[in-house]
């Protein structure tokens, strides 16, 4: 009799403690962790030599929510890089951050930034050269953010020799 009572109590506890994991999705209020700002991080730098022996400029873009915490973003990110004081058109790269593969490829959880390696084809990229980096982001909700940062090259981008 005692074991039957224990089995009933255990069975009742399991039945009421079980959760299917389904929840009602609330779409009547805004998502609180949506990007509220964007910046080109101070972690932007010249990267290591790749397999072709070329150093990319590693542009790191940070999105932050309204509380100032790093967050992911969904939309179109466009980067421009130009030599300061030169009349040529800037190099431009666009990334669709609505694409899950792009999210996996570019997002660094350790920095909270999107790290985008950019191989430049501009003349005169020698140590000491000032680059102007721009970022423009158009979110899927229509928000637009823009940011700029200067980067002084500390290394040659092409191998010397």
Protein backbone atom coordinates (compact mmCIF):
# COMPACT_ATOMS: atom_id res chain seq x y z
CA UNK A 1 0.00 0.00 0.00
CA UNK A 2 2.85 2.38 0.94
CA UNK A 3 4.67 1.80 -2.34
CA UNK A 4 1.48 2.46 -4.28
CA UNK A 5 1.07 5.79 -2.47
CA UNK A 6 4.69 6.79 -3.24
CA UNK A 7 4.22 5.84 -6.90
CA UNK A 8 1.07 7.95 -7.09
CA UNK A 9 2.76 10.97 -5.47
CA UNK A 10 5.81 10.71 -7.69
CA UNK A 11 3.64 10.29 -10.78
CA UNK A 12 1.52 13.30 -9.84
CA UNK A 13 4.64 15.44 -9.24
CA UNK A 14 6.08 14.47 -12.59
CA UNK A 15 2.82 15.16 -14.35
CA UNK A 16 2.47 18.67 -12.90
CA UNK A 17 6.19 19.51 -13.08
CA UNK A 18 6.49 18.65 -16.77
CA UNK A 19 6.69 21.49 -19.25
CA UNK A 20 6.37 21.08 -23.00
CA UNK A 21 8.50 24.17 -23.65
CA UNK A 22 5.80 25.84 -25.73
CA UNK A 23 5.01 29.43 -24.89
CA UNK A 24 2.66 31.99 -26.29
CA UNK A 25 4.73 34.38 -28.43
CA UNK A 26 4.11 38.01 -27.54
CA UNK A 27 4.30 40.21 -30.60
CA UNK A 28 2.36 43.11 -29.10
CA UNK A 29 5.41 44.80 -27.57
CA UNK A 30 8.77 45.84 -28.99
CA UNK A 31 11.80 43.59 -28.71
CA UNK A 32 13.90 45.31 -25.98
CA UNK A 33 17.28 44.13 -27.30
CA UNK A 34 16.95 45.63 -30.77
CA UNK A 35 20.03 47.67 -31.86
CA UNK A 36 19.85 51.25 -30.62
CA UNK A 37 23.34 52.26 -31.76
CA UNK A 38 26.25 51.17 -33.94
CA UNK A 39 29.96 51.96 -33.90
CA UNK A 40 33.11 50.84 -35.62
CA UNK A 41 34.99 49.32 -32.72
CA UNK A 42 38.44 50.34 -31.54
CA UNK A 43 39.26 46.64 -32.05
CA UNK A 44 39.37 47.32 -35.83
CA UNK A 45 42.89 46.53 -36.99
CA UNK A 46 45.16 45.11 -39.66
CA UNK A 47 44.88 41.33 -39.47
CA UNK A 48 47.36 38.53 -39.84
CA UNK A 49 48.64 37.33 -43.19
CA UNK A 50 46.14 35.04 -44.91
CA UNK A 51 46.98 32.02 -47.10
CA UNK A 52 47.75 34.36 -50.02
CA UNK A 53 50.21 36.35 -47.91
CA UNK A 54 47.98 39.44 -47.69
CA UNK A 55 46.82 41.20 -44.52
CA UNK A 56 43.14 42.18 -44.52
CA UNK A 57 41.79 45.14 -42.60
CA UNK A 58 39.58 43.54 -39.93
CA UNK A 59 36.68 45.95 -39.49
CA UNK A 60 34.75 45.26 -36.28
CA UNK A 61 31.25 46.71 -36.04
CA UNK A 62 29.50 46.80 -32.68
CA UNK A 63 25.74 47.11 -32.23
CA UNK A 64 24.34 47.94 -28.81
CA UNK A 65 20.82 47.74 -27.43
CA UNK A 66 19.12 50.49 -25.41
CA UNK A 67 20.88 49.33 -22.24
CA UNK A 68 24.32 49.54 -23.90
CA UNK A 69 24.83 45.79 -24.19
CA UNK A 70 26.24 44.22 -27.37
CA UNK A 71 23.56 42.73 -29.59
CA UNK A 72 23.13 41.19 -33.02
CA UNK A 73 21.48 43.04 -35.88
CA UNK A 74 19.36 42.12 -38.89
CA UNK A 75 19.62 44.15 -42.08
CA UNK A 76 22.12 45.41 -44.66
CA UNK A 77 25.58 46.53 -43.49
CA UNK A 78 27.74 48.46 -45.96
CA UNK A 79 31.40 49.25 -45.26
CA UNK A 80 33.49 51.81 -47.14
CA UNK A 81 37.26 52.23 -46.84
CA UNK A 82 39.26 55.00 -48.51
CA UNK A 83 42.70 56.56 -48.22
CA UNK A 84 42.35 59.89 -46.44
CA UNK A 85 42.85 62.90 -48.70
CA UNK A 86 42.72 60.90 -51.94
CA UNK A 87 40.13 61.49 -54.69
CA UNK A 88 39.51 57.83 -55.64
CA UNK A 89 36.28 56.02 -54.98
CA UNK A 90 36.31 54.06 -51.71
CA UNK A 91 36.36 50.29 -51.55
CA UNK A 92 32.88 49.09 -50.61
CA UNK A 93 31.60 45.84 -49.10
CA UNK A 94 28.00 44.92 -48.31
CA UNK A 95 26.89 42.16 -45.98
CA UNK A 96 23.34 40.94 -45.56
CA UNK A 97 23.03 40.39 -41.80
CA UNK A 98 19.56 38.92 -42.38
CA UNK A 99 21.37 35.86 -43.78
CA UNK A 100 21.99 33.22 -41.10
CA UNK A 101 25.23 32.07 -42.78
CA UNK A 102 26.57 35.65 -42.63
CA UNK A 103 25.63 35.85 -38.96
CA UNK A 104 27.62 32.69 -38.24
CA UNK A 105 30.57 33.76 -40.39
CA UNK A 106 31.06 37.31 -39.11
CA UNK A 107 29.73 37.52 -35.52
CA UNK A 108 32.36 37.16 -32.77
CA UNK A 109 30.77 36.26 -29.47
CA UNK A 110 33.97 37.08 -27.56
CA UNK A 111 33.95 40.74 -28.70
CA UNK A 112 30.24 41.15 -29.40
CA UNK A 113 31.20 42.58 -32.79
CA UNK A 114 30.82 41.60 -36.40
CA UNK A 115 34.40 41.07 -37.65
CA UNK A 116 34.60 41.62 -41.41
CA UNK A 117 37.95 41.03 -43.12
CA UNK A 118 38.38 43.43 -46.04
CA UNK A 119 41.13 42.89 -48.61
CA UNK A 120 41.94 46.28 -50.09
CA UNK A 121 43.03 47.04 -53.62
CA UNK A 122 44.16 50.64 -53.11
CA UNK A 123 47.60 52.04 -54.01
CA UNK A 124 50.03 53.33 -51.41
CA UNK A 125 48.93 51.25 -48.45
CA UNK A 126 52.12 51.60 -46.43
CA UNK A 127 52.65 51.94 -42.69
CA UNK A 128 51.55 55.37 -41.51
CA UNK A 129 48.80 55.72 -44.16
CA UNK A 130 45.49 56.98 -42.75
CA UNK A 131 42.37 55.05 -43.79
CA UNK A 132 38.84 56.36 -43.34
CA UNK A 133 36.39 53.58 -42.57
CA UNK A 134 32.65 54.14 -42.82
CA UNK A 135 29.72 51.91 -41.95
CA UNK A 136 26.06 52.29 -42.85
CA UNK A 137 23.42 49.91 -41.57
CA UNK A 138 19.80 49.68 -42.73
CA UNK A 139 17.80 47.54 -40.33
CA UNK A 140 14.85 45.41 -41.36
CA UNK A 141 12.67 47.73 -39.24
CA UNK A 142 13.80 50.77 -41.27
CA UNK A 143 16.29 52.17 -38.73
CA UNK A 144 19.50 53.58 -40.21
CA UNK A 145 22.81 53.90 -38.37
CA UNK A 146 26.07 55.41 -39.62
CA UNK A 147 29.54 55.41 -38.08
CA UNK A 148 33.10 56.34 -39.03
CA UNK A 149 36.56 55.59 -37.70
CA UNK A 150 40.08 56.42 -38.82
CA UNK A 151 42.72 53.72 -38.87
CA UNK A 152 46.44 54.39 -39.21
CA UNK A 153 48.15 51.44 -40.86
CA UNK A 154 50.81 49.96 -38.59
CA UNK A 155 51.88 47.25 -41.05
CA UNK A 156 52.24 46.62 -44.76
CA UNK A 157 49.20 44.86 -46.18
CA UNK A 158 51.24 43.13 -48.88
CA UNK A 159 54.41 41.15 -48.15
CA UNK A 160 57.57 43.13 -48.82
CA UNK A 161 60.52 41.59 -50.48
